[in-house]
Amino acid sequence: MRFSTSWLARLLRGRRLDRNLLRRHRARRAARRVPRRRAVRRACRRDQLTGRAQLAAGGAVGGLAAVLITAGWLVRRSLDRRRLSGWDAEWLANGPR
């Protein structure tokens, strides 16, 4: 006689919380890998934090300056085009005949 199992029973079968290492999927996967050293995070000193804050502030000011310079250049370009088109229209109306 053959028993059928539900998908939930099959899913939970390998996830039992006992001490059998062969039953746990993570343990089998970890056993195949070579153990790696984890990088130890150091606590930042006060001067490092101050330096990072100053760098962020400088980057923000530099970014804002770049945006303002680009906006000014675009406005000046559009005004120059408008002025030149006005001069062309006047020249065509009053130019030499």
N, C-alpha and C. Protein backbone atom coordinates (compact mmCIF):
# COMPACT_ATOMS: atom_id res chain seq x y z
N MET A 1 0.84 -1.16 0.00
CA MET A 1 0.00 0.00 0.00
C MET A 1 0.90 1.24 0.00
N ARG A 2 0.51 2.21 -0.78
CA ARG A 2 1.31 3.43 -0.93
C ARG A 2 0.54 4.61 -0.36
N PHE A 3 1.24 5.40 0.46
CA PHE A 3 0.60 6.56 1.06
C PHE A 3 0.97 7.80 0.24
N SER A 4 0.01 8.64 0.03
CA SER A 4 0.32 9.90 -0.66
C SER A 4 0.48 11.00 0.38
N THR A 5 1.41 11.88 0.12
CA THR A 5 1.65 12.98 1.05
C THR A 5 1.34 14.30 0.36
N SER A 6 0.94 15.25 1.15
CA SER A 6 0.61 16.56 0.59
C SER A 6 1.90 17.35 0.36
N TRP A 7 1.77 18.43 -0.36
CA TRP A 7 2.94 19.27 -0.64
C TRP A 7 3.46 19.92 0.64
N LEU A 8 2.55 20.19 1.57
CA LEU A 8 2.97 20.80 2.83
C LEU A 8 3.80 19.81 3.66
N ALA A 9 3.38 18.56 3.67
CA ALA A 9 4.12 17.55 4.42
C ALA A 9 5.50 17.34 3.82
N ARG A 10 5.59 17.36 2.48
CA ARG A 10 6.90 17.20 1.83
C ARG A 10 7.80 18.39 2.11
N LEU A 11 7.21 19.59 2.17
CA LEU A 11 7.99 20.79 2.45
C LEU A 11 8.52 20.77 3.88
N LEU A 12 7.71 20.37 4.83
CA LEU A 12 8.11 20.38 6.23
C LEU A 12 9.00 19.21 6.62
N ARG A 13 9.02 18.18 5.81
CA ARG A 13 9.80 16.99 6.15
C ARG A 13 11.28 17.31 6.29
N GLY A 14 11.84 18.11 5.42
CA GLY A 14 13.26 18.42 5.48
C GLY A 14 13.59 19.57 6.39
N ARG A 15 12.60 20.17 7.04
CA ARG A 15 12.83 21.36 7.86
C ARG A 15 12.67 21.08 9.35
N ARG A 16 12.79 19.87 9.75
CA ARG A 16 12.64 19.56 11.17
C ARG A 16 13.78 20.15 11.97
N LEU A 17 13.49 20.56 13.16
CA LEU A 17 14.49 21.21 14.01
C LEU A 17 15.13 20.20 14.97
N ASP A 18 15.66 19.16 14.44
CA ASP A 18 16.36 18.21 15.29
C ASP A 18 17.86 18.30 15.01
N ARG A 19 18.64 17.43 15.57
CA ARG A 19 20.09 17.53 15.45
C ARG A 19 20.65 16.72 14.29
N ASN A 20 19.83 16.20 13.44
CA ASN A 20 20.30 15.44 12.30
C ASN A 20 20.76 16.42 11.22
N LEU A 21 22.07 16.50 11.01
CA LEU A 21 22.62 17.46 10.06
C LEU A 21 22.30 17.11 8.62
N LEU A 22 22.10 15.85 8.35
CA LEU A 22 21.82 15.45 6.97
C LEU A 22 20.42 15.85 6.55
N ARG A 23 19.57 16.13 7.50
CA ARG A 23 18.20 16.46 7.17
C ARG A 23 18.04 17.94 6.84
N ARG A 24 18.92 18.76 7.36
CA ARG A 24 18.79 20.20 7.15
C ARG A 24 19.46 20.61 5.84
N HIS A 25 18.73 21.30 5.01
CA HIS A 25 19.23 21.70 3.70
C HIS A 25 20.39 22.69 3.81
N ARG A 26 20.30 23.62 4.74
CA ARG A 26 21.37 24.61 4.90
C ARG A 26 22.68 23.96 5.31
N ALA A 27 22.59 22.98 6.20
CA ALA A 27 23.81 22.32 6.66
C ALA A 27 24.47 21.56 5.51
N ARG A 28 23.68 20.93 4.67
CA ARG A 28 24.26 20.21 3.52
C ARG A 28 24.90 21.18 2.55
N ARG A 29 24.27 22.33 2.35
CA ARG A 29 24.81 23.32 1.43
C ARG A 29 26.09 23.93 2.01
N ALA A 30 26.10 24.18 3.30
CA ALA A 30 27.27 24.78 3.94
C ALA A 30 28.43 23.81 3.99
N ALA A 31 28.15 22.52 4.07
CA ALA A 31 29.22 21.53 4.12
C ALA A 31 29.96 21.46 2.79
N ARG A 32 29.30 21.78 1.71
CA ARG A 32 29.95 21.75 0.40
C ARG A 32 30.86 22.94 0.19
N ARG A 33 30.58 24.05 0.83
CA ARG A 33 31.37 25.26 0.64
C ARG A 33 32.61 25.25 1.50
N VAL A 34 33.60 25.94 1.01
CA VAL A 34 34.81 26.14 1.81
C VAL A 34 34.53 27.29 2.77
N PRO A 35 34.83 27.12 4.03
CA PRO A 35 34.54 28.21 4.96
C PRO A 35 35.36 29.46 4.61
N ARG A 36 34.71 30.58 4.62
CA ARG A 36 35.36 31.85 4.29
C ARG A 36 35.42 32.71 5.54
N ARG A 37 36.43 33.54 5.58
CA ARG A 37 36.52 34.48 6.69
C ARG A 37 35.61 35.65 6.42
N ARG A 38 34.93 36.04 7.41
CA ARG A 38 34.08 37.22 7.28
C ARG A 38 34.87 38.45 7.67
N ALA A 39 34.65 39.49 6.94
CA ALA A 39 35.36 40.74 7.23
C ALA A 39 34.81 41.31 8.54
N VAL A 40 35.69 41.69 9.37
CA VAL A 40 35.29 42.27 10.66
C VAL A 40 35.14 43.77 10.46
N ARG A 41 33.97 44.25 10.78
CA ARG A 41 33.72 45.69 10.64
C ARG A 41 34.27 46.43 11.84
N ARG A 42 35.06 47.44 11.56
CA ARG A 42 35.62 48.24 12.63
C ARG A 42 34.67 49.38 12.96
N ALA A 43 34.70 49.78 14.17
CA ALA A 43 33.92 50.95 14.57
C ALA A 43 34.65 52.19 14.08
N CYS A 44 33.92 53.12 13.52
CA CYS A 44 34.53 54.35 13.00
C CYS A 44 34.88 55.28 14.16
N ARG A 45 36.03 55.88 14.02
CA ARG A 45 36.43 56.87 15.03
C ARG A 45 35.75 58.19 14.73
N ARG A 46 35.82 59.09 15.70
CA ARG A 46 35.16 60.39 15.57
C ARG A 46 35.73 61.19 14.39
N ASP A 47 37.05 61.16 14.19
CA ASP A 47 37.63 61.92 13.09
C ASP A 47 37.25 61.33 11.74
N GLN A 48 37.06 60.01 11.68
CA GLN A 48 36.60 59.40 10.43
C GLN A 48 35.17 59.83 10.11
N LEU A 49 34.33 59.86 11.13
CA LEU A 49 32.94 60.30 10.92
C LEU A 49 32.89 61.76 10.51
N THR A 50 33.75 62.58 11.11
CA THR A 50 33.80 63.99 10.74
C THR A 50 34.26 64.15 9.30
N GLY A 51 35.25 63.38 8.91
CA GLY A 51 35.73 63.42 7.53
C GLY A 51 34.66 63.00 6.54
N ARG A 52 33.92 61.97 6.88
CA ARG A 52 32.84 61.52 5.99
C ARG A 52 31.73 62.57 5.87
N ALA A 53 31.41 63.23 6.97
CA ALA A 53 30.39 64.27 6.94
C ALA A 53 30.85 65.45 6.10
N GLN A 54 32.12 65.83 6.22
CA GLN A 54 32.64 66.94 5.43
C GLN A 54 32.68 66.57 3.95
N LEU A 55 33.01 65.33 3.65
CA LEU A 55 33.01 64.88 2.26
C LEU A 55 31.61 64.91 1.68
N ALA A 56 30.62 64.48 2.45
CA ALA A 56 29.23 64.52 1.98
C ALA A 56 28.76 65.95 1.77
N ALA A 57 29.13 66.85 2.67
CA ALA A 57 28.74 68.25 2.53
C ALA A 57 29.40 68.87 1.30
N GLY A 58 30.67 68.58 1.09
CA GLY A 58 31.37 69.08 -0.10
C GLY A 58 30.77 68.54 -1.38
N GLY A 59 30.40 67.27 -1.38
CA GLY A 59 29.76 66.69 -2.56
C GLY A 59 28.41 67.32 -2.84
N ALA A 60 27.66 67.62 -1.79
CA ALA A 60 26.35 68.26 -1.98
C ALA A 60 26.51 69.67 -2.53
N VAL A 61 27.47 70.41 -2.01
CA VAL A 61 27.71 71.77 -2.51
C VAL A 61 28.20 71.72 -3.95
N GLY A 62 29.09 70.81 -4.26
CA GLY A 62 29.59 70.68 -5.62
C GLY A 62 28.50 70.28 -6.60
N GLY A 63 27.64 69.37 -6.18
CA GLY A 63 26.52 68.96 -7.03
C GLY A 63 25.55 70.10 -7.29
N LEU A 64 25.25 70.86 -6.24
CA LEU A 64 24.36 72.01 -6.40
C LEU A 64 24.98 73.05 -7.32
N ALA A 65 26.28 73.28 -7.20
CA ALA A 65 26.96 74.24 -8.07
C ALA A 65 26.90 73.79 -9.52
N ALA A 66 27.10 72.49 -9.76
CA ALA A 66 27.04 71.97 -11.13
C ALA A 66 25.64 72.14 -11.72
N VAL A 67 24.62 71.90 -10.92
CA VAL A 67 23.24 72.06 -11.40
C VAL A 67 22.95 73.52 -11.73
N LEU A 68 23.37 74.44 -10.86
CA LEU A 68 23.13 75.86 -11.10
C LEU A 68 23.90 76.37 -12.32
N ILE A 69 25.12 75.92 -12.50
CA ILE A 69 25.90 76.34 -13.67
C ILE A 69 25.24 75.84 -14.95
N THR A 70 24.79 74.59 -14.95
CA THR A 70 24.13 74.04 -16.13
C THR A 70 22.83 74.77 -16.42
N ALA A 71 22.05 75.07 -15.39
CA ALA A 71 20.78 75.80 -15.59
C ALA A 71 21.05 77.20 -16.13
N GLY A 72 22.06 77.89 -15.60
CA GLY A 72 22.40 79.22 -16.10
C GLY A 72 22.84 79.18 -17.56
N TRP A 73 23.63 78.16 -17.91
CA TRP A 73 24.08 78.02 -19.30
C TRP A 73 22.90 77.78 -20.23
N LEU A 74 21.95 76.94 -19.82
CA LEU A 74 20.78 76.67 -20.66
C LEU A 74 19.91 77.91 -20.82
N VAL A 75 19.72 78.69 -19.75
CA VAL A 75 18.91 79.91 -19.83
C VAL A 75 19.59 80.92 -20.76
N ARG A 76 20.89 81.09 -20.60
CA ARG A 76 21.62 82.04 -21.45
C ARG A 76 21.55 81.62 -22.92
N ARG A 77 21.67 80.34 -23.17
CA ARG A 77 21.61 79.84 -24.56
C ARG A 77 20.24 80.11 -25.18
N SER A 78 19.17 79.86 -24.41
CA SER A 78 17.83 80.10 -24.96
C SER A 78 17.59 81.58 -25.19
N LEU A 79 18.09 82.44 -24.28
CA LEU A 79 17.94 83.88 -24.48
C LEU A 79 18.75 84.37 -25.68
N ASP A 80 19.94 83.85 -25.88
CA ASP A 80 20.74 84.23 -27.05
C ASP A 80 20.05 83.83 -28.34
N ARG A 81 19.47 82.65 -28.38
CA ARG A 81 18.75 82.22 -29.58
C ARG A 81 17.56 83.14 -29.86
N ARG A 82 16.87 83.50 -28.81
CA ARG A 82 15.71 84.37 -28.98
C ARG A 82 16.14 85.76 -29.49
N ARG A 83 17.22 86.28 -28.91
CA ARG A 83 17.72 87.58 -29.34
C ARG A 83 18.19 87.54 -30.80
N LEU A 84 18.89 86.49 -31.20
CA LEU A 84 19.37 86.38 -32.57
C LEU A 84 18.22 86.24 -33.57
N SER A 85 17.19 85.49 -33.17
CA SER A 85 16.05 85.37 -34.08
C SER A 85 15.32 86.71 -34.23
N GLY A 86 15.29 87.51 -33.17
CA GLY A 86 14.71 88.85 -33.27
C GLY A 86 15.52 89.76 -34.18
N TRP A 87 16.84 89.68 -34.09
CA TRP A 87 17.70 90.46 -34.96
C TRP A 87 17.51 90.05 -36.43
N ASP A 88 17.39 88.74 -36.67
CA ASP A 88 17.17 88.27 -38.04
C ASP A 88 15.84 88.79 -38.59
N ALA A 89 14.81 88.79 -37.76
CA ALA A 89 13.51 89.27 -38.22
C ALA A 89 13.58 90.77 -38.55
N GLU A 90 14.28 91.55 -37.70
CA GLU A 90 14.43 92.99 -37.98
C GLU A 90 15.27 93.23 -39.23
N TRP A 91 16.30 92.45 -39.42
CA TRP A 91 17.15 92.62 -40.59
C TRP A 91 16.37 92.35 -41.87
N LEU A 92 15.54 91.30 -41.84
CA LEU A 92 14.73 91.01 -43.02
C LEU A 92 13.71 92.11 -43.30
N ALA A 93 13.21 92.74 -42.25
CA ALA A 93 12.21 93.80 -42.45
C ALA A 93 12.87 95.12 -42.86
N ASN A 94 14.05 95.46 -42.34
CA ASN A 94 14.67 96.77 -42.57
C ASN A 94 15.98 96.69 -43.33
N GLY A 95 16.38 95.53 -43.79
CA GLY A 95 17.67 95.37 -44.43
C GLY A 95 17.78 96.04 -45.77
N PRO A 96 18.92 95.89 -46.40
CA PRO A 96 19.12 96.52 -47.70
C PRO A 96 18.16 95.96 -48.75
N ARG A 97 17.76 96.87 -49.66
CA ARG A 97 16.81 96.46 -50.70
C ARG A 97 17.43 96.55 -52.05
